[in-house]
PDB file of N, CA and C in Angstrom:
ATOM      1  N   MET A   1      -3.698  -3.731  48.329  1.00  0.00           N
ATOM      2  CA  MET A   1      -3.498  -2.886  47.177  1.00  0.00           C
ATOM      3  C   MET A   1      -3.718  -3.723  45.920  1.00  0.00           C
ATOM      4  N   ILE A   2      -4.376  -3.131  44.953  1.00  0.00           N
ATOM      5  CA  ILE A   2      -4.664  -3.789  43.675  1.00  0.00           C
ATOM      6  C   ILE A   2      -4.084  -2.914  42.571  1.00  0.00           C
ATOM      7  N   TYR A   3      -3.333  -3.536  41.669  1.00  0.00           N
ATOM      8  CA  TYR A   3      -2.775  -2.820  40.530  1.00  0.00           C
ATOM      9  C   TYR A   3      -3.263  -3.492  39.262  1.00  0.00           C
ATOM     10  N   VAL A   4      -3.858  -2.693  38.373  1.00  0.00           N
ATOM     11  CA  VAL A   4      -4.323  -3.197  37.080  1.00  0.00           C
ATOM     12  C   VAL A   4      -3.669  -2.331  36.016  1.00  0.00           C
ATOM     13  N   GLY A   5      -2.910  -2.984  35.133  1.00  0.00           N
ATOM     14  CA  GLY A   5      -2.205  -2.244  34.102  1.00  0.00           C
ATOM     15  C   GLY A   5      -2.335  -2.917  32.759  1.00  0.00           C
ATOM     16  N   PRO A   6      -1.689  -2.355  31.754  1.00  0.00           N
ATOM     17  CA  PRO A   6      -1.758  -2.939  30.422  1.00  0.00           C
ATOM     18  C   PRO A   6      -1.135  -4.335  30.389  1.00  0.00           C
ATOM     19  N   LYS A   7      -1.655  -5.172  29.513  1.00  0.00           N
ATOM     20  CA  LYS A   7      -1.153  -6.543  29.386  1.00  0.00           C
ATOM     21  C   LYS A   7       0.303  -6.555  28.939  1.00  0.00           C
ATOM     22  N   ASN A   8       0.644  -5.681  28.024  1.00  0.00           N
ATOM     23  CA  ASN A   8       2.004  -5.604  27.505  1.00  0.00           C
ATOM     24  C   ASN A   8       2.565  -4.229  27.869  1.00  0.00           C
ATOM     25  N   VAL A   9       3.490  -4.179  28.816  1.00  0.00           N
ATOM     26  CA  VAL A   9       4.006  -2.890  29.279  1.00  0.00           C
ATOM     27  C   VAL A   9       4.958  -2.221  28.292  1.00  0.00           C
ATOM     28  N   THR A  10       5.344  -2.908  27.222  1.00  0.00           N
ATOM     29  CA  THR A  10       6.202  -2.264  26.226  1.00  0.00           C
ATOM     30  C   THR A  10       5.398  -1.355  25.304  1.00  0.00           C
ATOM     31  N   THR A  11       4.077  -1.509  25.313  1.00  0.00           N
ATOM     32  CA  THR A  11       3.213  -0.601  24.569  1.00  0.00           C
ATOM     33  C   THR A  11       2.576   0.367  25.559  1.00  0.00           C
ATOM     34  N   ALA A  12       1.954   1.391  25.061  1.00  0.00           N
ATOM     35  CA  ALA A  12       1.315   2.378  25.932  1.00  0.00           C
ATOM     36  C   ALA A  12       0.019   1.826  26.508  1.00  0.00           C
ATOM     37  N   GLY A  13      -0.411   2.435  27.581  1.00  0.00           N
ATOM     38  CA  GLY A  13      -1.674   2.034  28.173  1.00  0.00           C
ATOM     39  C   GLY A  13      -1.924   2.766  29.474  1.00  0.00           C
ATOM     40  N   ASP A  14      -3.086   2.534  30.045  1.00  0.00           N
ATOM     41  CA  ASP A  14      -3.452   3.138  31.313  1.00  0.00           C
ATOM     42  C   ASP A  14      -3.397   2.087  32.406  1.00  0.00           C
ATOM     43  N   ALA A  15      -3.140   2.541  33.622  1.00  0.00           N
ATOM     44  CA  ALA A  15      -3.093   1.645  34.773  1.00  0.00           C
ATOM     45  C   ALA A  15      -3.799   2.321  35.937  1.00  0.00           C
ATOM     46  N   ILE A  16      -4.305   1.517  36.857  1.00  0.00           N
ATOM     47  CA  ILE A  16      -4.922   2.047  38.064  1.00  0.00           C
ATOM     48  C   ILE A  16      -4.385   1.274  39.259  1.00  0.00           C
ATOM     49  N   ASN A  17      -4.068   2.009  40.295  1.00  0.00           N
ATOM     50  CA  ASN A  17      -3.595   1.444  41.548  1.00  0.00           C
ATOM     51  C   ASN A  17      -4.662   1.763  42.593  1.00  0.00           C
ATOM     52  N   ILE A  18      -5.267   0.741  43.193  1.00  0.00           N
ATOM     53  CA  ILE A  18      -6.385   0.913  44.120  1.00  0.00           C
ATOM     54  C   ILE A  18      -5.947   0.464  45.510  1.00  0.00           C
ATOM     55  N   GLU A  19      -6.190   1.314  46.502  1.00  0.00           N
ATOM     56  CA  GLU A  19      -5.864   0.966  47.889  1.00  0.00           C
ATOM     57  C   GLU A  19      -7.161   0.848  48.686  1.00  0.00           C
ATOM     58  N   LEU A  20      -7.346  -0.316  49.325  1.00  0.00           N
ATOM     59  CA  LEU A  20      -8.541  -0.588  50.120  1.00  0.00           C
ATOM     60  C   LEU A  20      -8.155  -0.797  51.579  1.00  0.00           C
ATOM     61  N   ASP A  21      -9.104  -0.522  52.498  1.00  0.00           N
ATOM     62  CA  ASP A  21      -8.850  -0.822  53.908  1.00  0.00           C
ATOM     63  C   ASP A  21      -9.241  -2.262  54.211  1.00  0.00           C
ATOM     64  N   GLU A  22      -9.156  -2.662  55.477  1.00  0.00           N
ATOM     65  CA  GLU A  22      -9.444  -4.046  55.857  1.00  0.00           C
ATOM     66  C   GLU A  22     -10.903  -4.442  55.628  1.00  0.00           C
ATOM     67  N   ASN A  23     -11.795  -3.448  55.456  1.00  0.00           N
ATOM     68  CA  ASN A  23     -13.207  -3.721  55.164  1.00  0.00           C
ATOM     69  C   ASN A  23     -13.527  -3.554  53.682  1.00  0.00           C
ATOM     70  N   CYS A  24     -12.483  -3.501  52.873  1.00  0.00           N
ATOM     71  CA  CYS A  24     -12.602  -3.341  51.412  1.00  0.00           C
ATOM     72  C   CYS A  24     -13.264  -2.024  51.020  1.00  0.00           C
ATOM     73  N   GLN A  25     -13.078  -1.013  51.837  1.00  0.00           N
ATOM     74  CA  GLN A  25     -13.549   0.327  51.508  1.00  0.00           C
ATOM     75  C   GLN A  25     -12.407   1.076  50.822  1.00  0.00           C
ATOM     76  N   LEU A  26     -12.757   1.857  49.827  1.00  0.00           N
ATOM     77  CA  LEU A  26     -11.752   2.583  49.058  1.00  0.00           C
ATOM     78  C   LEU A  26     -11.057   3.632  49.921  1.00  0.00           C
ATOM     79  N   LEU A  27      -9.740   3.568  49.966  1.00  0.00           N
ATOM     80  CA  LEU A  27      -8.937   4.576  50.653  1.00  0.00           C
ATOM     81  C   LEU A  27      -8.364   5.579  49.665  1.00  0.00           C
ATOM     82  N   ASP A  28      -7.840   5.064  48.551  1.00  0.00           N
ATOM     83  CA  ASP A  28      -7.179   5.927  47.584  1.00  0.00           C
ATOM     84  C   ASP A  28      -7.054   5.193  46.260  1.00  0.00           C
ATOM     85  N   TYR A  29      -6.887   5.951  45.197  1.00  0.00           N
ATOM     86  CA  TYR A  29      -6.606   5.353  43.894  1.00  0.00           C
ATOM     87  C   TYR A  29      -5.775   6.320  43.073  1.00  0.00           C
ATOM     88  N   VAL A  30      -4.982   5.761  42.174  1.00  0.00           N
ATOM     89  CA  VAL A  30      -4.144   6.547  41.275  1.00  0.00           C
ATOM     90  C   VAL A  30      -4.303   5.973  39.882  1.00  0.00           C
ATOM     91  N   ILE A  31      -4.607   6.843  38.930  1.00  0.00           N
ATOM     92  CA  ILE A  31      -4.676   6.440  37.523  1.00  0.00           C
ATOM     93  C   ILE A  31      -3.445   7.020  36.841  1.00  0.00           C
ATOM     94  N   GLU A  32      -2.728   6.169  36.117  1.00  0.00           N
ATOM     95  CA  GLU A  32      -1.513   6.640  35.465  1.00  0.00           C
ATOM     96  C   GLU A  32      -1.484   6.218  34.006  1.00  0.00           C
ATOM     97  N   ARG A  33      -0.794   7.008  33.237  1.00  0.00           N
ATOM     98  CA  ARG A  33      -0.588   6.725  31.817  1.00  0.00           C
ATOM     99  C   ARG A  33       0.803   6.144  31.661  1.00  0.00           C
ATOM    100  N   ILE A  34       0.901   4.960  31.076  1.00  0.00           N
ATOM    101  CA  ILE A  34       2.189   4.315  30.830  1.00  0.00           C
ATOM    102  C   ILE A  34       2.571   4.580  29.379  1.00  0.00           C
ATOM    103  N   GLU A  35       3.689   5.246  29.218  1.00  0.00           N
ATOM    104  CA  GLU A  35       4.176   5.580  27.878  1.00  0.00           C
ATOM    105  C   GLU A  35       4.840   4.355  27.258  1.00  0.00           C
ATOM    106  N   PRO A  36       4.818   4.258  25.926  1.00  0.00           N
ATOM    107  CA  PRO A  36       5.457   3.111  25.271  1.00  0.00           C
ATOM    108  C   PRO A  36       6.968   3.131  25.477  1.00  0.00           C
ATOM    109  N   THR A  37       7.545   1.949  25.524  1.00  0.00           N
ATOM    110  CA  THR A  37       8.993   1.817  25.643  1.00  0.00           C
ATOM    111  C   THR A  37       9.633   2.229  24.320  1.00  0.00           C
ATOM    112  N   PRO A  38      10.642   3.104  24.365  1.00  0.00           N
ATOM    113  CA  PRO A  38      11.299   3.507  23.117  1.00  0.00           C
ATOM    114  C   PRO A  38      11.924   2.306  22.409  1.00  0.00           C
ATOM    115  N   VAL A  39      11.829   2.308  21.104  1.00  0.00           N
ATOM    116  CA  VAL A  39      12.403   1.231  20.297  1.00  0.00           C
ATOM    117  C   VAL A  39      13.872   1.539  20.071  1.00  0.00           C
ATOM    118  N   GLN A  40      14.722   0.551  20.331  1.00  0.00           N
ATOM    119  CA  GLN A  40      16.152   0.724  20.098  1.00  0.00           C
ATOM    120  C   GLN A  40      16.511   0.073  18.770  1.00  0.00           C
ATOM    121  N   ASN A  41      17.099   0.851  17.900  1.00  0.00           N
ATOM    122  CA  ASN A  41      17.530   0.331  16.601  1.00  0.00           C
ATOM    123  C   ASN A  41      18.904  -0.300  16.747  1.00  0.00           C
ATOM    124  N   SER A  42      19.035  -1.532  16.285  1.00  0.00           N
ATOM    125  CA  SER A  42      20.349  -2.182  16.320  1.00  0.00           C
ATOM    126  C   SER A  42      20.973  -2.104  14.935  1.00  0.00           C
ATOM    127  N   LYS A  43      22.234  -1.699  14.888  1.00  0.00           N
ATOM    128  CA  LYS A  43      22.927  -1.548  13.604  1.00  0.00           C
ATOM    129  C   LYS A  43      24.165  -2.385  13.582  1.00  0.00           C
TER     130      LYS A  43
END
């Protein structure tokens, strides 16, 4: 399995999860949208 996602997960970005068989043939893939982490205000 190969996962490629944004460099900084605290910001938004796209990611892809790729599943290959033992002959490196594509079995499945999932593309997902990673939402930005909410900013917490400290008071």
